[in-house]
Amino acid sequence: MSADMPEIGKISPDIFREIIFPRLGAQSDTVLVGPQHGVDVGIAEIGGQAVSFTTDPVFIVPQYGWERAAWFAIHIIASDSATSGLKPKYLSIDLNLPMEMSKAELELMWEVMHRECLKMDINIITGHTARYEGCNYPMVGGATMIGVGGLDEYVSPRFAKAGDAVIITKGPAIEACGIFAALFPGRIAAEFGQELARRAEDIFYQMSVVEDAMTAVAVGVRDNGVTSMHDATECGIWGGLYEVAQAAGLGARIDKDRIVVAEGVPEICRLFGIDPYAAISEGSLIITCRACKAGEIVAALAGKGIAASVVGELTPADKGMVLVEQGQEKQLVHPIVDPFWRAFYDAAAQGDV
């Protein structure tokens, strides 16, 4: 593909380094964590506190059903914010709504967003709301979420060290399977039965890492626990692990057989022809932590009903990215292209059954 026709989705690390990273406006010593590929938040010191910032599209897919679509839109943003280790607190939101959106649809969407912010104690403090020609689903605006905490409370890949344990919550393809289950329940039921299709639809509401992240950092941070967190979105667990190690300037050794797998995920991924470990997985949190705290963090997550396991460790950079599967070692590489999107568009073209 030519240089002026990039792949759909997030820009590549090369484009980020070439175009974005060298042009970041004014410099300030108050910036604690700046833009970095594979890091979901920026953090600045303001008034003696650590303040995190994360920005995402407002992603609304009416086909999910308005309640599910609005829930997902808020939790995408809140999940990125929570990976800082700081509690999400304030939301600034811009809604550029399609002309075909009705007042009733807006009211239902906003009611769910309000309700989820209430649950997470997030204040909506400003925004912009309008309808415009040329605005289309699913990208109907953008939002910035702000977290606040002590200067000793945030986490970042710079705190990670060789020897840190790697924990993964929920397992692979949570988002891919949650979306497939929501949009194609008939196809899943026809292949695997109504019971599995019904249980699979519950995966949709696992597409958030807010509780995962807040539970993990409650154990401790930096030398007392969690050192970094990253939710496995584009390119799934393999992409997320690669990005965490790269951001930390380290390598990793990961045992695939130790990664938890949610019920229904292997079947759904097989039905739609995708590799679950390379597929988009909002809801799967990658945590690095001091090895002595790993067991306590996994136990705390289990206490909240969140499945998680220690799957490996960070290593010196010269050890590279190693994946162990059934006792055999091979190189862990970034998938580059997420298989979910092609499978999703192919499935959508066929309709449900």
Protein backbone atom coordinates (compact mmCIF):
# COMPACT_ATOMS: atom_id res chain seq x y z
CA MET A 1 0.00 0.00 0.00
CA SER A 2 1.33 3.47 -0.88
CA ALA A 3 2.54 5.84 1.84
CA ASP A 4 -0.42 8.20 1.28
CA MET A 5 -3.00 5.39 1.74
CA PRO A 6 -2.47 4.07 5.28
CA GLU A 7 -4.31 1.12 6.82
CA ILE A 8 -7.60 1.79 8.61
CA GLY A 9 -7.39 2.21 12.38
CA LYS A 10 -4.67 3.61 14.58
CA ILE A 11 -1.56 4.93 12.89
CA SER A 12 1.56 2.79 12.97
CA PRO A 13 4.43 3.40 15.39
CA ASP A 14 6.53 4.59 12.43
CA ILE A 15 4.00 7.27 11.44
CA PHE A 16 3.70 8.32 15.09
CA ARG A 17 7.47 8.71 15.42
CA GLU A 18 7.84 10.47 12.06
CA ILE A 19 4.97 12.95 12.17
CA ILE A 20 3.39 13.28 15.62
CA PHE A 21 6.12 12.83 18.21
CA PRO A 22 8.56 15.51 16.91
CA ARG A 23 5.81 18.20 17.02
CA LEU A 24 4.33 18.44 20.50
CA GLY A 25 4.00 22.18 21.00
CA ALA A 26 5.54 23.83 24.04
CA GLN A 27 7.67 21.86 26.47
CA SER A 28 7.13 21.85 30.24
CA ASP A 29 8.78 20.25 33.23
CA THR A 30 5.30 19.69 34.68
CA VAL A 31 4.59 16.96 32.11
CA LEU A 32 5.24 13.69 33.94
CA VAL A 33 4.12 11.30 31.17
CA GLY A 34 3.95 12.59 27.62
CA PRO A 35 2.77 11.04 24.34
CA GLN A 36 4.18 7.56 23.77
CA HIS A 37 3.04 4.76 21.48
CA GLY A 38 1.40 2.06 23.56
CA VAL A 39 0.60 4.38 26.49
CA ASP A 40 -3.05 5.35 26.95
CA VAL A 41 -2.69 8.51 29.06
CA GLY A 42 -0.67 11.66 29.58
CA ILE A 43 0.02 12.90 33.10
CA ALA A 44 0.95 16.37 34.35
CA GLU A 45 1.69 17.82 37.77
CA ILE A 46 -0.87 20.49 38.61
CA GLY A 47 -1.09 22.08 42.04
CA GLY A 48 1.02 19.35 43.62
CA GLN A 49 -1.18 16.56 42.28
CA ALA A 50 -0.87 14.11 39.42
CA VAL A 51 -3.53 14.77 36.77
CA SER A 52 -4.10 12.27 33.97
CA PHE A 53 -5.59 13.05 30.56
CA THR A 54 -6.93 10.63 27.98
CA THR A 55 -8.79 11.40 24.76
CA ASP A 56 -10.88 9.05 22.63
CA PRO A 57 -13.61 9.19 20.01
CA VAL A 58 -17.21 9.02 21.22
CA PHE A 59 -17.94 5.67 19.60
CA ILE A 60 -21.66 4.96 19.17
CA VAL A 61 -22.91 1.90 17.27
CA PRO A 62 -26.73 1.96 17.22
CA GLN A 63 -26.80 -1.68 16.11
CA TYR A 64 -25.57 -2.69 19.58
CA GLY A 65 -28.80 -1.25 20.99
CA TRP A 66 -28.73 2.27 22.41
CA GLU A 67 -28.13 1.23 26.01
CA ARG A 68 -25.21 -1.04 25.16
CA ALA A 69 -23.79 1.49 22.70
CA ALA A 70 -23.79 4.31 25.25
CA TRP A 71 -22.40 2.08 28.02
CA PHE A 72 -19.54 1.04 25.74
CA ALA A 73 -18.78 4.62 24.64
CA ILE A 74 -18.27 5.79 28.23
CA HIS A 75 -16.30 2.74 29.33
CA ILE A 76 -13.87 2.98 26.40
CA ILE A 77 -12.82 6.42 27.64
CA ALA A 78 -12.90 5.56 31.34
CA SER A 79 -10.87 2.39 30.76
CA ASP A 80 -7.99 4.25 29.14
CA SER A 81 -8.07 6.80 31.96
CA ALA A 82 -7.96 4.12 34.65
CA THR A 83 -4.75 2.61 33.24
CA SER A 84 -2.94 5.61 34.74
CA GLY A 85 -3.71 4.20 38.19
CA LEU A 86 -5.56 7.42 39.02
CA LYS A 87 -9.30 7.35 39.54
CA PRO A 88 -11.23 8.88 36.60
CA LYS A 89 -12.91 12.04 37.87
CA TYR A 90 -13.88 14.58 35.19
CA LEU A 91 -15.24 14.29 31.65
CA SER A 92 -15.27 16.86 28.85
CA ILE A 93 -17.31 15.62 25.89
CA ASP A 94 -17.95 16.84 22.35
CA LEU A 95 -20.98 15.37 20.55
CA ASN A 96 -21.10 15.94 16.78
CA LEU A 97 -24.33 14.10 16.12
CA PRO A 98 -25.62 12.71 12.82
CA MET A 99 -28.63 14.52 11.39
CA GLU A 100 -30.72 11.34 11.53
CA MET A 101 -30.36 10.97 15.31
CA SER A 102 -33.72 11.62 17.01
CA LYS A 103 -34.37 13.43 20.27
CA ALA A 104 -35.49 10.16 21.86
CA GLU A 105 -32.29 8.41 20.81
CA LEU A 106 -30.16 11.27 22.15
CA GLU A 107 -32.08 11.21 25.43
CA LEU A 108 -31.58 7.46 25.90
CA MET A 109 -27.89 7.66 24.97
CA TRP A 110 -27.27 10.54 27.35
CA GLU A 111 -29.24 8.96 30.19
CA VAL A 112 -27.02 5.87 30.05
CA MET A 113 -23.84 7.98 29.89
CA HIS A 114 -25.05 9.99 32.89
CA ARG A 115 -25.90 6.80 34.79
CA GLU A 116 -22.50 5.20 34.16
CA CYS A 117 -20.70 8.39 35.20
CA LEU A 118 -22.74 8.42 38.41
CA LYS A 119 -21.70 4.82 39.13
CA MET A 120 -18.01 5.66 38.62
CA ASP A 121 -18.22 9.05 40.43
CA ILE A 122 -17.22 10.92 37.26
CA ASN A 123 -18.27 14.57 36.87
CA ILE A 124 -19.25 15.79 33.39
CA ILE A 125 -17.92 19.34 33.53
CA THR A 126 -18.12 20.76 30.00
CA GLY A 127 -18.71 19.88 26.38
CA HIS A 128 -20.27 20.73 23.03
CA THR A 129 -23.41 19.24 21.53
CA ALA A 130 -24.71 19.82 18.00
CA ARG A 131 -25.95 18.03 14.89
CA TYR A 132 -24.12 18.52 11.61
CA GLU A 133 -24.27 17.31 8.04
CA GLY A 134 -21.46 14.88 7.29
CA CYS A 135 -21.35 13.40 10.80
CA ASN A 136 -21.91 9.65 10.83
CA TYR A 137 -21.93 6.71 13.21
CA PRO A 138 -19.89 5.37 14.90
CA MET A 139 -17.60 8.39 15.41
CA VAL A 140 -19.97 11.03 16.78
CA GLY A 141 -17.51 13.24 18.63
CA GLY A 142 -14.63 13.06 21.04
CA ALA A 143 -14.03 13.22 24.77
CA THR A 144 -11.29 13.83 27.29
CA MET A 145 -11.35 12.20 30.70
CA ILE A 146 -9.27 13.49 33.59
CA GLY A 147 -8.06 11.55 36.62
CA VAL A 148 -6.62 13.05 39.78
CA GLY A 149 -4.40 11.63 42.51
CA GLY A 150 -1.17 11.93 44.43
CA LEU A 151 2.20 12.24 42.74
CA ASP A 152 3.08 8.84 44.20
CA GLU A 153 -0.11 7.15 42.96
CA TYR A 154 0.16 7.02 39.18
CA VAL A 155 1.77 4.21 37.20
CA SER A 156 3.66 4.28 33.91
CA PRO A 157 5.88 1.93 31.87
CA ARG A 158 8.88 3.89 33.12
CA PHE A 159 8.39 2.28 36.54
CA ALA A 160 8.50 -1.23 35.07
CA LYS A 161 11.66 -3.32 35.49
CA ALA A 162 13.01 -6.63 34.25
CA GLY A 163 11.69 -9.29 36.59
CA ASP A 164 8.27 -7.69 36.95
CA ALA A 165 5.42 -10.17 36.64
CA VAL A 166 2.87 -9.81 33.82
CA ILE A 167 -0.80 -10.35 34.66
CA ILE A 168 -3.66 -10.50 32.14
CA THR A 169 -7.31 -10.17 33.11
CA LYS A 170 -10.26 -11.89 31.39
CA GLY A 171 -8.21 -13.27 28.47
CA PRO A 172 -8.19 -12.74 24.72
CA ALA A 173 -10.76 -11.33 22.27
CA ILE A 174 -13.17 -9.93 24.86
CA GLU A 175 -14.20 -7.02 22.65
CA ALA A 176 -14.26 -9.03 19.42
CA CYS A 177 -16.47 -11.70 20.96
CA GLY A 178 -18.65 -9.20 22.82
CA ILE A 179 -19.40 -7.40 19.56
CA PHE A 180 -19.95 -10.59 17.57
CA ALA A 181 -22.31 -11.89 20.27
CA ALA A 182 -24.29 -8.64 20.33
CA LEU A 183 -24.65 -8.32 16.57
CA PHE A 184 -24.84 -11.93 15.37
CA PRO A 185 -26.62 -13.92 18.11
CA GLY A 186 -28.60 -15.97 15.59
CA ARG A 187 -25.47 -17.14 13.81
CA ILE A 188 -23.83 -18.14 17.10
CA ALA A 189 -26.98 -19.90 18.31
CA ALA A 190 -27.32 -21.80 15.03
CA GLU A 191 -23.78 -23.11 15.39
CA PHE A 192 -23.46 -23.68 19.15
CA GLY A 193 -26.97 -23.49 20.62
CA GLN A 194 -29.04 -20.84 22.39
CA GLU A 195 -27.38 -21.30 25.79
CA LEU A 196 -23.88 -20.48 24.57
CA ALA A 197 -25.24 -17.56 22.51
CA ARG A 198 -26.99 -16.16 25.58
CA ARG A 199 -23.89 -16.48 27.76
CA ALA A 200 -21.76 -14.96 25.01
CA GLU A 201 -23.89 -11.82 25.00
CA ASP A 202 -22.82 -11.25 28.63
CA ILE A 203 -19.23 -10.83 27.37
CA PHE A 204 -20.24 -7.40 26.06
CA TYR A 205 -20.36 -5.96 29.57
CA GLN A 206 -16.85 -7.21 30.29
CA MET A 207 -15.49 -4.60 27.84
CA SER A 208 -14.23 -2.29 30.57
CA VAL A 209 -11.06 -2.33 32.66
CA VAL A 210 -12.03 0.36 35.16
CA GLU A 211 -12.75 -2.07 37.98
CA ASP A 212 -9.76 -4.23 37.00
CA ALA A 213 -7.38 -1.28 37.18
CA MET A 214 -8.73 0.27 40.39
CA THR A 215 -8.70 -3.13 42.10
CA ALA A 216 -5.10 -3.80 41.08
CA VAL A 217 -3.67 -0.46 42.22
CA ALA A 218 -5.51 -0.74 45.54
CA VAL A 219 -2.94 -3.44 46.42
CA GLY A 220 -0.08 -0.99 45.83
CA VAL A 221 1.87 0.75 43.10
CA ARG A 222 5.45 0.98 41.83
CA ASP A 223 7.78 -0.83 44.26
CA ASN A 224 4.75 -1.88 46.31
CA GLY A 225 2.74 -3.37 43.46
CA VAL A 226 1.53 -2.31 40.00
CA THR A 227 4.10 -0.62 37.78
CA SER A 228 2.12 -0.18 34.53
CA MET A 229 -1.23 -1.03 32.95
CA HIS A 230 -2.47 -1.16 29.35
CA ASP A 231 -5.81 -2.30 27.93
CA ALA A 232 -5.53 -4.66 25.00
CA THR A 233 -7.42 -2.88 22.24
CA GLU A 234 -6.24 -2.97 18.58
CA CYS A 235 -4.30 -6.17 17.83
CA GLY A 236 -5.38 -7.69 21.09
CA ILE A 237 -3.24 -9.31 23.74
CA TRP A 238 -0.25 -9.89 21.45
CA GLY A 239 -0.27 -6.25 20.35
CA GLY A 240 -0.81 -5.00 23.89
CA LEU A 241 2.03 -7.05 25.34
CA TYR A 242 4.36 -5.85 22.61
CA GLU A 243 3.38 -2.21 23.23
CA VAL A 244 3.88 -2.48 27.01
CA ALA A 245 7.35 -3.97 26.64
CA GLN A 246 8.33 -1.44 23.97
CA ALA A 247 7.12 1.50 26.07
CA ALA A 248 9.13 0.19 29.03
CA GLY A 249 12.24 -0.45 26.92
CA LEU A 250 12.20 -4.11 27.93
CA GLY A 251 11.53 -7.58 26.58
CA ALA A 252 9.04 -10.15 27.80
CA ARG A 253 8.66 -13.90 28.20
CA ILE A 254 5.01 -14.97 28.03
CA ASP A 255 3.52 -18.44 28.54
CA LYS A 256 0.43 -18.62 26.32
CA ASP A 257 -0.95 -21.65 28.13
CA ARG A 258 -1.26 -19.64 31.36
CA ILE A 259 -3.54 -16.96 29.88
CA VAL A 260 -7.14 -17.25 31.09
CA VAL A 261 -9.76 -17.68 28.34
CA ALA A 262 -13.39 -16.65 28.81
CA GLU A 263 -16.14 -19.18 28.13
CA GLY A 264 -17.33 -19.03 24.54
CA VAL A 265 -14.32 -17.14 23.17
CA PRO A 266 -12.63 -20.07 21.37
CA GLU A 267 -15.89 -21.11 19.72
CA ILE A 268 -16.84 -17.61 18.56
CA CYS A 269 -13.36 -16.84 17.22
CA ARG A 270 -13.31 -20.14 15.36
CA LEU A 271 -16.77 -19.42 13.87
CA PHE A 272 -15.66 -16.01 12.56
CA GLY A 273 -12.18 -17.17 11.56
CA ILE A 274 -9.94 -14.99 13.74
CA ASP A 275 -6.96 -15.52 16.02
CA PRO A 276 -8.31 -14.56 19.47
CA TYR A 277 -4.92 -13.42 20.75
CA ALA A 278 -4.46 -10.91 17.90
CA ALA A 279 -8.04 -9.60 17.96
CA ILE A 280 -9.29 -6.39 19.55
CA SER A 281 -9.90 -6.94 23.25
CA GLU A 282 -11.09 -3.90 25.17
CA GLY A 283 -11.74 -5.34 28.64
CA SER A 284 -8.49 -7.33 28.85
CA LEU A 285 -6.06 -5.49 31.13
CA ILE A 286 -2.32 -6.10 30.93
CA ILE A 287 -0.71 -5.38 34.29
CA THR A 288 2.98 -5.34 35.15
CA CYS A 289 3.88 -5.50 38.83
CA ARG A 290 6.64 -6.37 41.22
CA ALA A 291 6.77 -10.16 41.29
CA CYS A 292 6.29 -10.34 45.07
CA LYS A 293 2.88 -8.65 44.73
CA ALA A 294 1.55 -10.66 41.78
CA GLY A 295 -0.31 -13.26 43.86
CA GLU A 296 -1.97 -10.61 45.99
CA ILE A 297 -3.13 -8.69 42.90
CA VAL A 298 -4.58 -11.80 41.27
CA ALA A 299 -6.38 -12.64 44.53
CA ALA A 300 -7.80 -9.10 44.79
CA LEU A 301 -9.11 -9.35 41.23
CA ALA A 302 -10.64 -12.76 41.96
CA GLY A 303 -12.39 -11.19 44.95
CA LYS A 304 -14.16 -8.89 42.50
CA GLY A 305 -15.08 -11.78 40.21
CA ILE A 306 -12.43 -10.82 37.63
CA ALA A 307 -10.53 -13.79 36.17
CA ALA A 308 -6.79 -13.15 35.91
CA SER A 309 -3.49 -14.99 35.90
CA VAL A 310 0.25 -14.40 35.98
CA VAL A 311 1.37 -15.20 32.43
CA GLY A 312 5.06 -14.34 32.42
CA GLU A 313 7.57 -11.64 33.19
CA LEU A 314 9.36 -8.65 31.75
CA THR A 315 12.97 -9.30 30.75
CA PRO A 316 16.00 -7.24 29.70
CA ALA A 317 15.53 -5.74 26.23
CA ASP A 318 18.26 -7.91 24.70
CA LYS A 319 16.21 -11.03 25.53
CA GLY A 320 13.55 -9.88 23.06
CA MET A 321 9.88 -10.88 22.98
CA VAL A 322 9.47 -14.61 23.65
CA LEU A 323 6.25 -16.60 23.51
CA VAL A 324 6.13 -20.07 25.07
CA GLU A 325 3.44 -22.41 23.79
CA GLN A 326 3.22 -26.04 24.89
CA GLY A 327 6.80 -25.79 26.08
CA GLN A 328 8.15 -24.47 22.78
CA GLU A 329 9.66 -20.99 22.48
CA LYS A 330 9.16 -18.65 19.53
CA GLN A 331 9.29 -14.94 18.88
CA LEU A 332 6.29 -12.88 19.93
CA VAL A 333 5.58 -10.36 17.18
CA HIS A 334 3.11 -7.51 16.88
CA PRO A 335 0.18 -8.60 14.64
CA ILE A 336 0.18 -5.15 12.90
CA VAL A 337 -3.28 -5.74 11.37
CA ASP A 338 -6.15 -6.70 13.68
CA PRO A 339 -8.09 -9.64 12.15
CA PHE A 340 -11.35 -8.54 13.75
CA TRP A 341 -12.16 -5.76 11.30
CA ARG A 342 -12.09 -7.87 8.14
CA ALA A 343 -14.08 -10.63 9.85
CA PHE A 344 -16.59 -8.08 11.16
CA TYR A 345 -17.21 -6.48 7.77
CA ASP A 346 -17.47 -9.87 6.09
CA ALA A 347 -20.00 -11.02 8.71
CA ALA A 348 -21.99 -7.79 8.42
CA ALA A 349 -22.21 -8.22 4.65
CA GLN A 350 -23.77 -11.66 5.14
CA GLY A 351 -26.28 -10.51 7.76
CA ASP A 352 -27.39 -12.56 10.77
CA VAL A 353 -29.22 -15.90 10.68
